[in-house]
């Protein structure tokens, strides 16, 4: 199902939907998609007002653009006024934004694949429970779809598997933001390459692409799946271009 298949619905009048990092590589695509589902309530926030305005102009049903540094406590508090949901597309290792949302009872969605970032949000669990609001994490591909697919696969087995192996193939021709590209490069540099549990590359077969040598990568899905499934989990990464993967 795509967003075009989802009819617009009435939104909780208690607030708008604030997209932090709305002019970034993810936010500029996410904001218009949200506008198709919940028109008229999307607010695009970016450190650059002109970039935010350019994205807001593409949002169905109208959108507001605001200039915002999410780590400025006064500016963030002002921006959260009359907001019902925050979709955070900005890396927040300290969980600062999530904490402010928990305090104000604002629903929170985080797209990060960084285990450190998601761990900082999870540390605010008591604050969200106290305010009676919701935080939704792992909403992308890895983590996100990989979590759901792995859980579904394990649930179909007669007995628990010895381990779960996840392979992710990324396209080199896609548009990636500077922060995402930097995080990927750092993750590849830090990924274990020696022998040991989950530390070896593995030849993985992908539909339409064939066999690729995939390398362990610190996507957060494997951390959470180890806890929820109770078995060792390893996520490996490769690219559609074999030469790039080899490099």
Protein backbone atom coordinates (compact mmCIF):
# COMPACT_ATOMS: atom_id res chain seq x y z
CA UNK A 1 0.00 0.00 0.00
CA UNK A 2 1.22 3.51 -0.83
CA UNK A 3 0.18 6.83 0.61
CA UNK A 4 -1.97 7.35 -2.49
CA UNK A 5 -4.08 4.38 -1.42
CA UNK A 6 -4.71 5.87 2.02
CA UNK A 7 -7.62 8.34 2.14
CA UNK A 8 -7.11 11.55 4.11
CA UNK A 9 -8.56 11.30 7.59
CA UNK A 10 -9.56 13.63 10.35
CA UNK A 11 -6.64 14.47 12.62
CA UNK A 12 -6.70 14.93 16.35
CA UNK A 13 -7.41 18.68 16.59
CA UNK A 14 -5.06 18.83 19.56
CA UNK A 15 -2.06 19.62 17.41
CA UNK A 16 -0.13 19.70 14.18
CA UNK A 17 2.56 17.33 12.90
CA UNK A 18 6.04 18.86 13.22
CA UNK A 19 8.74 17.35 10.99
CA UNK A 20 12.18 18.16 12.43
CA UNK A 21 14.85 18.12 9.75
CA UNK A 22 12.04 18.52 7.25
CA UNK A 23 14.33 19.89 4.54
CA UNK A 24 16.87 17.06 4.84
CA UNK A 25 17.33 13.99 2.66
CA UNK A 26 14.51 12.11 4.44
CA UNK A 27 12.34 14.97 5.66
CA UNK A 28 11.83 16.55 2.25
CA UNK A 29 10.24 13.31 1.02
CA UNK A 30 8.46 12.47 4.25
CA UNK A 31 6.67 15.81 4.68
CA UNK A 32 4.78 15.63 1.34
CA UNK A 33 3.86 11.99 2.06
CA UNK A 34 2.42 13.00 5.42
CA UNK A 35 0.54 15.79 3.69
CA UNK A 36 -1.25 13.22 1.51
CA UNK A 37 -2.47 11.32 4.57
CA UNK A 38 -3.09 14.19 6.98
CA UNK A 39 -3.43 17.34 4.85
CA UNK A 40 -3.29 20.76 6.41
CA UNK A 41 -1.42 19.98 9.62
CA UNK A 42 2.20 19.37 8.54
CA UNK A 43 4.84 21.84 9.76
CA UNK A 44 8.28 21.66 8.11
CA UNK A 45 11.10 22.65 10.46
CA UNK A 46 14.71 23.23 9.41
CA UNK A 47 17.69 25.31 10.49
CA UNK A 48 17.34 27.04 7.09
CA UNK A 49 14.03 28.87 6.64
CA UNK A 50 14.35 29.03 2.84
CA UNK A 51 14.85 25.27 2.52
CA UNK A 52 11.93 24.63 4.87
CA UNK A 53 9.71 26.93 2.82
CA UNK A 54 10.69 25.15 -0.41
CA UNK A 55 9.62 21.79 1.04
CA UNK A 56 6.45 23.21 2.62
CA UNK A 57 5.38 24.45 -0.81
CA UNK A 58 5.25 20.83 -2.03
CA UNK A 59 3.00 19.59 0.80
CA UNK A 60 -0.59 18.81 -0.14
CA UNK A 61 -3.25 20.76 1.72
CA UNK A 62 -0.85 23.51 2.74
CA UNK A 63 2.03 23.51 5.19
CA UNK A 64 3.88 25.91 7.47
CA UNK A 65 7.65 26.38 7.38
CA UNK A 66 9.60 27.29 10.50
CA UNK A 67 13.28 27.94 11.16
CA UNK A 68 14.31 25.85 14.14
CA UNK A 69 17.42 24.56 15.85
CA UNK A 70 16.04 21.52 17.75
CA UNK A 71 18.80 21.82 20.34
CA UNK A 72 17.81 25.37 21.28
CA UNK A 73 15.61 24.79 24.38
CA UNK A 74 13.67 28.05 24.07
CA UNK A 75 13.06 27.68 20.33
CA UNK A 76 12.05 24.04 20.70
CA UNK A 77 9.63 24.79 23.54
CA UNK A 78 8.00 27.48 21.42
CA UNK A 79 7.81 25.20 18.38
CA UNK A 80 6.12 22.42 20.38
CA UNK A 81 3.23 24.68 21.31
CA UNK A 82 0.02 23.29 19.74
CA UNK A 83 1.94 20.33 18.27
CA UNK A 84 0.40 16.88 18.60
CA UNK A 85 3.10 14.78 16.91
CA UNK A 86 6.82 15.21 16.23
CA UNK A 87 8.58 13.21 13.52
CA UNK A 88 12.29 13.57 14.21
CA UNK A 89 14.59 13.28 11.18
CA UNK A 90 17.54 14.81 13.06
CA UNK A 91 20.16 12.74 14.88
CA UNK A 92 19.72 13.34 18.61
CA UNK A 93 22.24 11.19 20.56
CA UNK A 94 21.20 12.68 23.90
CA UNK A 95 17.47 12.14 23.41
CA UNK A 96 16.91 15.84 24.04
CA UNK A 97 13.96 16.24 21.65
CA UNK A 98 12.30 13.05 22.88
CA UNK A 99 12.60 14.29 26.46
CA UNK A 100 10.89 17.59 25.64
CA UNK A 101 8.09 15.74 23.83
CA UNK A 102 7.59 13.42 26.81
CA UNK A 103 7.34 16.38 29.17
CA UNK A 104 4.68 18.04 27.02
CA UNK A 105 2.72 14.90 26.14
CA UNK A 106 3.59 15.18 22.45
CA UNK A 107 3.61 11.97 20.39
CA UNK A 108 7.12 11.18 19.11
CA UNK A 109 8.38 9.28 16.05
CA UNK A 110 12.09 8.71 15.37
CA UNK A 111 13.45 7.49 12.02
CA UNK A 112 17.01 6.89 13.23
CA UNK A 113 18.84 3.61 12.62
CA UNK A 114 21.51 4.51 15.18
CA UNK A 115 21.41 2.27 18.28
CA UNK A 116 22.88 5.07 20.44
CA UNK A 117 20.13 7.49 19.42
CA UNK A 118 17.32 4.98 19.92
CA UNK A 119 18.79 3.95 23.26
CA UNK A 120 18.66 7.58 24.42
CA UNK A 121 14.96 7.71 23.50
CA UNK A 122 14.24 4.41 25.24
CA UNK A 123 15.85 5.83 28.37
CA UNK A 124 12.90 8.28 28.42
CA UNK A 125 10.35 5.46 28.61
CA UNK A 126 9.25 6.39 32.15
CA UNK A 127 8.70 10.00 31.07
CA UNK A 128 6.46 8.96 28.17
CA UNK A 129 4.51 6.57 30.40
CA UNK A 130 4.08 9.28 33.00
CA UNK A 131 2.66 11.72 30.44
CA UNK A 132 0.49 9.04 28.82
CA UNK A 133 1.90 9.65 25.36
CA UNK A 134 3.58 7.46 22.76
CA UNK A 135 7.06 7.13 21.25
CA UNK A 136 7.43 5.08 18.06
CA UNK A 137 10.92 3.94 17.05
CA UNK A 138 12.42 1.85 14.25
CA UNK A 139 10.13 3.01 11.44
CA UNK A 140 12.50 2.71 8.48
CA UNK A 141 13.97 -0.19 6.52
CA UNK A 142 16.64 -1.29 9.02
CA UNK A 143 15.43 -0.96 11.70
CA UNK A 144 11.79 -1.19 10.73
CA UNK A 145 10.93 -3.63 7.96
CA UNK A 146 13.81 -5.88 9.00
CA UNK A 147 12.39 -6.12 12.55
CA UNK A 148 8.96 -7.07 11.24
CA UNK A 149 10.24 -9.57 8.69
CA UNK A 150 12.59 -11.27 11.15
CA UNK A 151 9.88 -11.52 13.81
CA UNK A 152 7.38 -12.90 11.28
CA UNK A 153 9.88 -15.47 9.98
CA UNK A 154 10.74 -16.71 13.46
CA UNK A 155 7.05 -16.94 14.40
CA UNK A 156 6.47 -19.33 11.47
CA UNK A 157 9.11 -21.81 12.62
CA UNK A 158 8.24 -24.84 14.71
CA UNK A 159 11.13 -24.12 17.07
CA UNK A 160 13.42 -21.19 17.77
CA UNK A 161 16.30 -20.86 15.28
CA UNK A 162 19.94 -20.98 16.35
CA UNK A 163 20.43 -17.46 15.01
CA UNK A 164 18.90 -14.89 12.65
CA UNK A 165 20.82 -13.42 9.70
CA UNK A 166 19.59 -10.21 8.03
CA UNK A 167 20.97 -8.85 4.76
CA UNK A 168 20.46 -5.24 3.62
CA UNK A 169 21.31 -4.07 0.10
CA UNK A 170 21.47 -0.30 -0.46
CA UNK A 171 21.41 1.53 -3.78
CA UNK A 172 24.46 3.70 -4.51
CA UNK A 173 22.50 5.85 -6.94
CA UNK A 174 19.93 6.99 -4.39
CA UNK A 175 20.02 10.41 -2.78
CA UNK A 176 21.47 10.16 0.73
CA UNK A 177 21.93 13.04 3.13
CA UNK A 178 25.35 14.09 4.39
CA UNK A 179 24.61 12.84 7.91
CA UNK A 180 23.39 9.48 6.62
CA UNK A 181 26.42 9.06 4.36
CA UNK A 182 28.77 9.94 7.21
CA UNK A 183 27.05 7.50 9.57
CA UNK A 184 27.27 4.73 6.96
CA UNK A 185 30.97 5.34 6.40
CA UNK A 186 31.64 5.36 10.15
CA UNK A 187 29.62 2.17 10.60
CA UNK A 188 31.55 0.38 7.86
CA UNK A 189 34.82 1.46 9.43
CA UNK A 190 33.74 0.24 12.86
CA UNK A 191 32.07 -3.00 11.75
CA UNK A 192 33.81 -6.17 12.96
CA UNK A 193 35.79 -7.90 10.23
CA UNK A 194 37.53 -10.69 12.16
CA UNK A 195 36.29 -14.11 13.08
CA UNK A 196 33.80 -14.45 15.88
CA UNK A 197 30.06 -14.36 16.49
CA UNK A 198 28.52 -12.46 13.60
CA UNK A 199 31.86 -10.87 12.71
CA UNK A 200 32.40 -12.43 9.28
CA UNK A 201 31.19 -11.28 5.87
CA UNK A 202 28.66 -13.63 4.30
CA UNK A 203 27.71 -14.35 0.72
CA UNK A 204 24.03 -13.39 0.61
CA UNK A 205 21.64 -13.87 -2.30
CA UNK A 206 19.29 -10.97 -3.05
CA UNK A 207 16.36 -11.27 -5.48
CA UNK A 208 17.08 -9.52 -8.81
CA UNK A 209 20.65 -8.74 -7.73
CA UNK A 210 22.13 -12.17 -7.21
CA UNK A 211 24.84 -13.04 -4.71
CA UNK A 212 26.59 -10.24 -2.84
CA UNK A 213 29.20 -10.35 -0.10
CA UNK A 214 27.59 -8.51 2.81
CA UNK A 215 29.48 -7.18 5.84
CA UNK A 216 28.36 -6.84 9.49
CA UNK A 217 26.96 -3.36 10.09
CA UNK A 218 25.76 -1.75 13.36
CA UNK A 219 22.10 -1.26 12.42
CA UNK A 220 20.09 -1.08 15.64
CA UNK A 221 17.62 -3.77 14.54
CA UNK A 222 19.94 -6.58 15.60
CA UNK A 223 20.27 -5.15 19.11
CA UNK A 224 16.52 -5.02 19.68
CA UNK A 225 15.83 -8.34 17.98
CA UNK A 226 18.35 -10.13 20.19
CA UNK A 227 16.33 -8.95 23.18
CA UNK A 228 12.87 -9.68 21.77
CA UNK A 229 13.61 -12.96 19.96
CA UNK A 230 16.11 -14.34 22.44
CA UNK A 231 18.56 -15.54 19.76
CA UNK A 232 21.76 -14.09 18.25
CA UNK A 233 21.02 -11.68 15.39
CA UNK A 234 23.43 -10.20 12.85
CA UNK A 235 22.60 -7.57 10.21
CA UNK A 236 24.93 -7.29 7.21
CA UNK A 237 25.19 -4.56 4.59
CA UNK A 238 26.21 -4.42 0.96
CA UNK A 239 25.56 -2.18 -2.05
CA UNK A 240 23.97 -2.79 -5.44
CA UNK A 241 27.34 -2.03 -7.05
CA UNK A 242 29.75 -4.90 -6.23
CA UNK A 243 32.78 -2.67 -6.81
CA UNK A 244 31.58 -0.20 -4.15
CA UNK A 245 31.00 -3.05 -1.71
CA UNK A 246 34.46 -4.44 -2.38
CA UNK A 247 36.04 -1.02 -1.85
